């Protein structure tokens, strides 16, 4: 068997193995705080989590792009797959926090004739922008999409400030 055929077969096997592992190990349940509702919310912590996941996506995108520039060995391909998996998991985390926490727990519907309706629509639009930006980060390895995601997260951060210490 030719060396190139062997390497191609090895790469195909590694990709198939990783894909099968990711699919079988994937968490299909969605947990959210708080579906009861318990009234215990930590909005600033969720913003911190969103920011951390966005930074993780940025690191994964930069690392994958750097590995592509460096070569194309089987080890590089393995690392690119791992970075892609991490990137996609972080984007999914963002989507779950926005959907399961903010949209269901914190963004309250306001009737169209209520004075707060415009602010409600603004919140919805900003949350939707985060969801779309996270999706684009899953689809690509473009640092521009990571910047947009971070900007979208920062657009909602002032709505959920940390508690003020009057100490």
C-alpha atoms as a PDB file:
ATOM      1  CA  UNK A   1       0.000   0.000   0.000  1.00  0.00           C
ATOM      2  CA  UNK A   2       1.346   3.426  -0.905  1.00  0.00           C
ATOM      3  CA  UNK A   3       2.284   5.797   1.898  1.00  0.00           C
ATOM      4  CA  UNK A   4      -0.189   8.446   0.670  1.00  0.00           C
ATOM      5  CA  UNK A   5      -3.014   5.896   0.587  1.00  0.00           C
ATOM      6  CA  UNK A   6      -2.120   4.744   4.091  1.00  0.00           C
ATOM      7  CA  UNK A   7      -2.081   8.321   5.396  1.00  0.00           C
ATOM      8  CA  UNK A   8      -5.420   9.071   3.692  1.00  0.00           C
ATOM      9  CA  UNK A   9      -6.934   5.930   5.190  1.00  0.00           C
ATOM     10  CA  UNK A  10      -5.579   6.831   8.622  1.00  0.00           C
ATOM     11  CA  UNK A  11      -6.978  10.352   8.387  1.00  0.00           C
ATOM     12  CA  UNK A  12     -10.383   9.033   7.279  1.00  0.00           C
ATOM     13  CA  UNK A  13     -10.392   6.566  10.184  1.00  0.00           C
ATOM     14  CA  UNK A  14      -9.471   9.278  12.719  1.00  0.00           C
ATOM     15  CA  UNK A  15     -12.165  11.621  11.401  1.00  0.00           C
ATOM     16  CA  UNK A  16     -14.797   8.857  11.478  1.00  0.00           C
ATOM     17  CA  UNK A  17     -13.753   7.841  14.988  1.00  0.00           C
ATOM     18  CA  UNK A  18     -13.864  11.406  16.308  1.00  0.00           C
ATOM     19  CA  UNK A  19     -17.248  12.084  14.701  1.00  0.00           C
ATOM     20  CA  UNK A  20     -18.674   8.856  16.131  1.00  0.00           C
ATOM     21  CA  UNK A  21     -17.243   9.678  19.561  1.00  0.00           C
ATOM     22  CA  UNK A  22     -18.625  13.213  19.559  1.00  0.00           C
ATOM     23  CA  UNK A  23     -22.067  12.012  18.493  1.00  0.00           C
ATOM     24  CA  UNK A  24     -22.170   9.195  21.057  1.00  0.00           C
ATOM     25  CA  UNK A  25     -20.761  11.339  23.863  1.00  0.00           C
ATOM     26  CA  UNK A  26     -22.958  14.344  23.131  1.00  0.00           C
ATOM     27  CA  UNK A  27     -25.271  15.504  25.870  1.00  0.00           C
ATOM     28  CA  UNK A  28     -28.725  15.513  24.357  1.00  0.00           C
ATOM     29  CA  UNK A  29     -30.426  16.892  27.440  1.00  0.00           C
ATOM     30  CA  UNK A  30     -30.795  20.585  27.981  1.00  0.00           C
ATOM     31  CA  UNK A  31     -30.595  21.765  31.536  1.00  0.00           C
ATOM     32  CA  UNK A  32     -31.542  25.247  32.500  1.00  0.00           C
ATOM     33  CA  UNK A  33     -31.617  27.279  35.604  1.00  0.00           C
ATOM     34  CA  UNK A  34     -34.345  27.565  36.627  1.00  0.00           C
ATOM     35  CA  UNK A  35     -37.424  25.833  35.274  1.00  0.00           C
ATOM     36  CA  UNK A  36     -39.176  25.547  38.652  1.00  0.00           C
ATOM     37  CA  UNK A  37     -38.892  28.724  39.042  1.00  0.00           C
ATOM     38  CA  UNK A  38     -36.897  29.074  42.212  1.00  0.00           C
ATOM     39  CA  UNK A  39     -36.185  32.802  41.918  1.00  0.00           C
ATOM     40  CA  UNK A  40     -32.441  32.323  42.347  1.00  0.00           C
ATOM     41  CA  UNK A  41     -30.774  34.049  39.443  1.00  0.00           C
ATOM     42  CA  UNK A  42     -27.180  35.051  38.835  1.00  0.00           C
ATOM     43  CA  UNK A  43     -27.291  37.116  35.675  1.00  0.00           C
ATOM     44  CA  UNK A  44     -23.710  38.460  35.958  1.00  0.00           C
ATOM     45  CA  UNK A  45     -22.420  34.891  36.232  1.00  0.00           C
ATOM     46  CA  UNK A  46     -24.244  33.997  32.999  1.00  0.00           C
ATOM     47  CA  UNK A  47     -22.664  36.998  31.261  1.00  0.00           C
ATOM     48  CA  UNK A  48     -19.261  35.805  32.508  1.00  0.00           C
ATOM     49  CA  UNK A  49     -20.017  32.333  31.139  1.00  0.00           C
ATOM     50  CA  UNK A  50     -20.984  33.782  27.751  1.00  0.00           C
ATOM     51  CA  UNK A  51     -17.778  35.805  27.651  1.00  0.00           C
ATOM     52  CA  UNK A  52     -15.670  32.792  28.608  1.00  0.00           C
ATOM     53  CA  UNK A  53     -17.230  30.668  25.882  1.00  0.00           C
ATOM     54  CA  UNK A  54     -16.654  33.449  23.329  1.00  0.00           C
ATOM     55  CA  UNK A  55     -12.975  33.631  24.321  1.00  0.00           C
ATOM     56  CA  UNK A  56     -12.775  29.840  24.005  1.00  0.00           C
ATOM     57  CA  UNK A  57     -14.224  30.047  20.498  1.00  0.00           C
ATOM     58  CA  UNK A  58     -11.676  32.724  19.601  1.00  0.00           C
ATOM     59  CA  UNK A  59      -8.797  30.591  20.884  1.00  0.00           C
ATOM     60  CA  UNK A  60     -10.083  27.566  18.961  1.00  0.00           C
ATOM     61  CA  UNK A  61     -10.467  29.550  15.728  1.00  0.00           C
ATOM     62  CA  UNK A  62      -6.999  31.069  16.032  1.00  0.00           C
ATOM     63  CA  UNK A  63      -5.407  27.720  16.897  1.00  0.00           C
ATOM     64  CA  UNK A  64      -7.111  25.841  14.053  1.00  0.00           C
ATOM     65  CA  UNK A  65      -6.149  28.529  11.545  1.00  0.00           C
ATOM     66  CA  UNK A  66      -2.552  28.464  12.756  1.00  0.00           C
ATOM     67  CA  UNK A  67      -2.371  24.672  12.402  1.00  0.00           C
ATOM     68  CA  UNK A  68      -3.617  24.918   8.814  1.00  0.00           C
ATOM     69  CA  UNK A  69      -0.834  27.400   8.037  1.00  0.00           C
ATOM     70  CA  UNK A  70       1.806  25.153   9.592  1.00  0.00           C
ATOM     71  CA  UNK A  71       1.308  22.029   7.576  1.00  0.00           C
ATOM     72  CA  UNK A  72      -1.134  19.241   7.378  1.00  0.00           C
ATOM     73  CA  UNK A  73       0.152  16.237   9.266  1.00  0.00           C
ATOM     74  CA  UNK A  74      -2.163  13.679  10.817  1.00  0.00           C
ATOM     75  CA  UNK A  75      -1.383  15.203  14.210  1.00  0.00           C
ATOM     76  CA  UNK A  76      -2.351  18.653  12.901  1.00  0.00           C
ATOM     77  CA  UNK A  77      -5.611  17.246  11.578  1.00  0.00           C
ATOM     78  CA  UNK A  78      -6.272  15.630  14.946  1.00  0.00           C
ATOM     79  CA  UNK A  79      -5.711  18.934  16.736  1.00  0.00           C
ATOM     80  CA  UNK A  80      -7.899  20.825  14.258  1.00  0.00           C
ATOM     81  CA  UNK A  81     -10.710  18.348  14.896  1.00  0.00           C
ATOM     82  CA  UNK A  82     -10.279  18.758  18.638  1.00  0.00           C
ATOM     83  CA  UNK A  83     -10.286  22.571  18.382  1.00  0.00           C
ATOM     84  CA  UNK A  84     -13.391  22.403  16.184  1.00  0.00           C
ATOM     85  CA  UNK A  85     -15.142  20.225  18.745  1.00  0.00           C
ATOM     86  CA  UNK A  86     -14.263  22.645  21.554  1.00  0.00           C
ATOM     87  CA  UNK A  87     -15.371  25.610  19.433  1.00  0.00           C
ATOM     88  CA  UNK A  88     -18.717  24.028  18.622  1.00  0.00           C
ATOM     89  CA  UNK A  89     -19.331  22.995  22.248  1.00  0.00           C
ATOM     90  CA  UNK A  90     -18.645  26.546  23.437  1.00  0.00           C
ATOM     91  CA  UNK A  91     -21.026  27.944  20.797  1.00  0.00           C
ATOM     92  CA  UNK A  92     -23.693  25.463  21.894  1.00  0.00           C
ATOM     93  CA  UNK A  93     -23.157  26.546  25.514  1.00  0.00           C
ATOM     94  CA  UNK A  94     -23.810  30.129  24.469  1.00  0.00           C
ATOM     95  CA  UNK A  95     -26.950  29.155  22.584  1.00  0.00           C
ATOM     96  CA  UNK A  96     -28.249  27.188  25.564  1.00  0.00           C
ATOM     97  CA  UNK A  97     -27.591  29.962  28.065  1.00  0.00           C
ATOM     98  CA  UNK A  98     -29.318  32.514  25.856  1.00  0.00           C
ATOM     99  CA  UNK A  99     -32.251  30.226  25.030  1.00  0.00           C
ATOM    100  CA  UNK A 100     -32.727  28.303  28.275  1.00  0.00           C
ATOM    101  CA  UNK A 101     -31.827  31.037  30.716  1.00  0.00           C
ATOM    102  CA  UNK A 102     -32.212  34.522  29.299  1.00  0.00           C
ATOM    103  CA  UNK A 103     -35.074  34.052  26.834  1.00  0.00           C
ATOM    104  CA  UNK A 104     -37.136  31.786  29.090  1.00  0.00           C
ATOM    105  CA  UNK A 105     -36.276  33.255  32.494  1.00  0.00           C
ATOM    106  CA  UNK A 106     -35.138  36.852  32.196  1.00  0.00           C
ATOM    107  CA  UNK A 107     -36.629  38.419  29.068  1.00  0.00           C
ATOM    108  CA  UNK A 108     -40.262  39.052  29.944  1.00  0.00           C
ATOM    109  CA  UNK A 109     -42.868  39.586  27.235  1.00  0.00           C
ATOM    110  CA  UNK A 110     -44.376  43.061  27.128  1.00  0.00           C
ATOM    111  CA  UNK A 111     -47.630  43.835  25.347  1.00  0.00           C
ATOM    112  CA  UNK A 112     -47.436  45.925  22.172  1.00  0.00           C
ATOM    113  CA  UNK A 113     -49.413  48.756  23.776  1.00  0.00           C
ATOM    114  CA  UNK A 114     -47.189  48.849  26.882  1.00  0.00           C
ATOM    115  CA  UNK A 115     -44.522  51.585  27.090  1.00  0.00           C
ATOM    116  CA  UNK A 116     -41.839  48.916  27.704  1.00  0.00           C
ATOM    117  CA  UNK A 117     -42.556  47.076  24.449  1.00  0.00           C
ATOM    118  CA  UNK A 118     -39.711  48.757  22.532  1.00  0.00           C
ATOM    119  CA  UNK A 119     -37.210  47.732  25.225  1.00  0.00           C
ATOM    120  CA  UNK A 120     -38.576  44.180  25.083  1.00  0.00           C
ATOM    121  CA  UNK A 121     -38.107  44.056  21.308  1.00  0.00           C
ATOM    122  CA  UNK A 122     -34.580  45.401  21.757  1.00  0.00           C
ATOM    123  CA  UNK A 123     -33.795  42.603  24.217  1.00  0.00           C
ATOM    124  CA  UNK A 124     -35.196  39.998  21.826  1.00  0.00           C
ATOM    125  CA  UNK A 125     -33.192  41.370  18.915  1.00  0.00           C
ATOM    126  CA  UNK A 126     -29.971  41.366  20.954  1.00  0.00           C
ATOM    127  CA  UNK A 127     -30.534  37.814  22.187  1.00  0.00           C
ATOM    128  CA  UNK A 128     -31.308  36.674  18.640  1.00  0.00           C
ATOM    129  CA  UNK A 129     -28.107  38.324  17.414  1.00  0.00           C
ATOM    130  CA  UNK A 130     -26.113  36.259  19.934  1.00  0.00           C
ATOM    131  CA  UNK A 131     -27.790  33.053  18.769  1.00  0.00           C
ATOM    132  CA  UNK A 132     -27.037  33.823  15.114  1.00  0.00           C
ATOM    133  CA  UNK A 133     -23.445  34.857  15.863  1.00  0.00           C
ATOM    134  CA  UNK A 134     -22.859  31.622  17.803  1.00  0.00           C
ATOM    135  CA  UNK A 135     -24.279  29.659  14.858  1.00  0.00           C
ATOM    136  CA  UNK A 136     -21.899  31.438  12.471  1.00  0.00           C
ATOM    137  CA  UNK A 137     -19.000  30.579  14.771  1.00  0.00           C
ATOM    138  CA  UNK A 138     -19.997  26.923  14.484  1.00  0.00           C
ATOM    139  CA  UNK A 139     -20.111  27.170  10.702  1.00  0.00           C
ATOM    140  CA  UNK A 140     -16.768  28.892  10.186  1.00  0.00           C
ATOM    141  CA  UNK A 141     -13.282  29.548  11.503  1.00  0.00           C
ATOM    142  CA  UNK A 142     -13.481  33.246  10.720  1.00  0.00           C
ATOM    143  CA  UNK A 143     -12.168  35.532  13.498  1.00  0.00           C
ATOM    144  CA  UNK A 144     -14.597  38.226  12.303  1.00  0.00           C
ATOM    145  CA  UNK A 145     -17.513  36.043  13.425  1.00  0.00           C
ATOM    146  CA  UNK A 146     -15.911  35.670  16.850  1.00  0.00           C
ATOM    147  CA  UNK A 147     -15.623  39.475  17.125  1.00  0.00           C
ATOM    148  CA  UNK A 148     -19.291  39.863  16.208  1.00  0.00           C
ATOM    149  CA  UNK A 149     -20.243  37.277  18.840  1.00  0.00           C
ATOM    150  CA  UNK A 150     -18.256  39.093  21.521  1.00  0.00           C
ATOM    151  CA  UNK A 151     -19.817  42.425  20.510  1.00  0.00           C
ATOM    152  CA  UNK A 152     -23.295  40.891  20.729  1.00  0.00           C
ATOM    153  CA  UNK A 153     -22.576  39.569  24.216  1.00  0.00           C
ATOM    154  CA  UNK A 154     -21.284  42.973  25.307  1.00  0.00           C
ATOM    155  CA  UNK A 155     -24.476  44.551  23.956  1.00  0.00           C
ATOM    156  CA  UNK A 156     -26.554  42.688  26.565  1.00  0.00           C
ATOM    157  CA  UNK A 157     -24.070  42.854  29.446  1.00  0.00           C
ATOM    158  CA  UNK A 158     -25.260  46.297  30.677  1.00  0.00           C
ATOM    159  CA  UNK A 159     -28.774  44.876  31.035  1.00  0.00           C
ATOM    160  CA  UNK A 160     -27.500  42.410  33.679  1.00  0.00           C
ATOM    161  CA  UNK A 161     -25.037  44.314  35.889  1.00  0.00           C
ATOM    162  CA  UNK A 162     -23.410  42.817  38.956  1.00  0.00           C
ATOM    163  CA  UNK A 163     -25.055  43.801  42.237  1.00  0.00           C
ATOM    164  CA  UNK A 164     -23.810  47.058  43.663  1.00  0.00           C
ATOM    165  CA  UNK A 165     -22.026  46.739  46.973  1.00  0.00           C
ATOM    166  CA  UNK A 166     -23.174  49.463  49.330  1.00  0.00           C
ATOM    167  CA  UNK A 167     -20.653  48.259  51.949  1.00  0.00           C
END
